[in-house]
Amino acid sequence: MAMLEKQLKLLKTTFDKYAGKDGDKDSLSKAELADLFHVEIPEMDGDKQQLDQFFAGLDGDKDGKVSFPEFVQFAATLMLLYNAF
């Protein structure tokens, strides 16, 4: 398997690992997103107010959850930020 294909599958696997703990496997709740940050990106693990603001920014359609497409947009933005440094 090519490296890019592996990385794309890892992105989906990571989403799936955290999504669904609240019953909806197609989205991340705020608590699931907090858990993902805490484990996978500890430097983004902030206080409740920071999480609320970040969640609101990720929840593009304002439905109270982060879908996989919204998560992918986040991951792409994060990659651009990491690449800038």
Protein backbone atom coordinates (compact mmCIF):
# COMPACT_ATOMS: atom_id res chain seq x y z
CA MET A 1 0.00 0.00 0.00
CA ALA A 2 1.29 3.45 -0.90
CA MET A 3 2.21 5.84 1.92
CA LEU A 4 -0.51 8.39 1.09
CA GLU A 5 -3.15 5.66 1.01
CA LYS A 6 -1.97 4.46 4.44
CA GLN A 7 -2.20 7.97 5.85
CA LEU A 8 -5.70 8.50 4.48
CA LYS A 9 -6.83 5.21 5.99
CA LEU A 10 -5.23 6.23 9.29
CA LEU A 11 -7.22 9.46 9.27
CA LYS A 12 -10.47 7.51 8.90
CA THR A 13 -9.37 4.92 11.48
CA THR A 14 -8.62 7.69 13.98
CA PHE A 15 -12.02 9.29 13.41
CA ASP A 16 -13.75 5.91 13.81
CA LYS A 17 -11.82 5.18 17.01
CA TYR A 18 -13.40 8.17 18.78
CA ALA A 19 -16.74 8.57 16.97
CA GLY A 20 -19.68 6.51 18.10
CA LYS A 21 -18.94 6.29 21.79
CA ASP A 22 -22.12 8.32 22.26
CA GLY A 23 -24.08 6.15 19.82
CA ASP A 24 -23.53 8.04 16.53
CA LYS A 25 -20.63 6.45 14.67
CA ASP A 26 -20.81 9.06 11.90
CA SER A 27 -19.86 12.04 14.03
CA LEU A 28 -17.81 13.28 16.94
CA SER A 29 -19.55 14.83 19.92
CA LYS A 30 -17.77 17.52 21.90
CA ALA A 31 -16.77 14.92 24.53
CA GLU A 32 -15.44 12.56 21.85
CA LEU A 33 -13.46 15.38 20.26
CA ALA A 34 -12.02 16.30 23.65
CA ASP A 35 -10.96 12.67 24.13
CA LEU A 36 -9.35 12.62 20.67
CA PHE A 37 -7.41 15.81 21.41
CA HIS A 38 -6.34 14.56 24.82
CA VAL A 39 -4.87 11.34 23.42
CA GLU A 40 -3.87 12.15 19.83
CA ILE A 41 -2.94 15.86 19.97
CA PRO A 42 -2.14 16.66 23.61
CA GLU A 43 -0.88 20.15 22.77
CA MET A 44 -4.45 21.02 21.69
CA ASP A 45 -5.96 19.68 24.91
CA GLY A 46 -7.21 22.89 26.53
CA ASP A 47 -9.82 24.08 28.96
CA LYS A 48 -13.58 23.86 28.42
CA GLN A 49 -13.89 27.36 26.97
CA GLN A 50 -11.14 26.67 24.42
CA LEU A 51 -12.77 23.36 23.50
CA ASP A 52 -16.17 25.05 23.09
CA GLN A 53 -14.69 27.65 20.74
CA PHE A 54 -12.74 25.08 18.78
CA PHE A 55 -15.75 22.78 18.50
CA ALA A 56 -17.91 25.65 17.25
CA GLY A 57 -15.33 26.36 14.56
CA LEU A 58 -15.16 22.73 13.44
CA ASP A 59 -18.92 22.27 13.40
CA GLY A 60 -19.38 24.00 10.07
CA ASP A 61 -23.06 23.19 9.64
CA LYS A 62 -23.80 23.97 13.32
CA ASP A 63 -25.58 20.67 13.96
CA GLY A 64 -23.85 20.08 17.29
CA LYS A 65 -21.47 17.38 16.03
CA VAL A 66 -18.36 17.07 13.89
CA SER A 67 -18.85 14.91 10.80
CA PHE A 68 -16.05 13.11 9.00
CA PRO A 69 -15.88 15.78 6.24
CA GLU A 70 -15.60 18.47 8.92
CA PHE A 71 -12.88 16.41 10.64
CA VAL A 72 -11.00 16.09 7.33
CA GLN A 73 -11.11 19.88 6.87
CA PHE A 74 -9.66 20.22 10.38
CA ALA A 75 -6.90 17.70 9.60
CA ALA A 76 -6.01 19.49 6.35
CA THR A 77 -5.86 22.85 8.13
CA LEU A 78 -3.74 21.36 10.89
CA MET A 79 -1.36 19.93 8.26
CA LEU A 80 -0.98 23.37 6.69
CA LEU A 81 -0.23 24.89 10.08
CA TYR A 82 2.37 22.23 10.89
CA ASN A 83 3.94 22.74 7.47
CA ALA A 84 4.21 26.50 8.07
CA PHE A 85 6.63 25.99 10.95
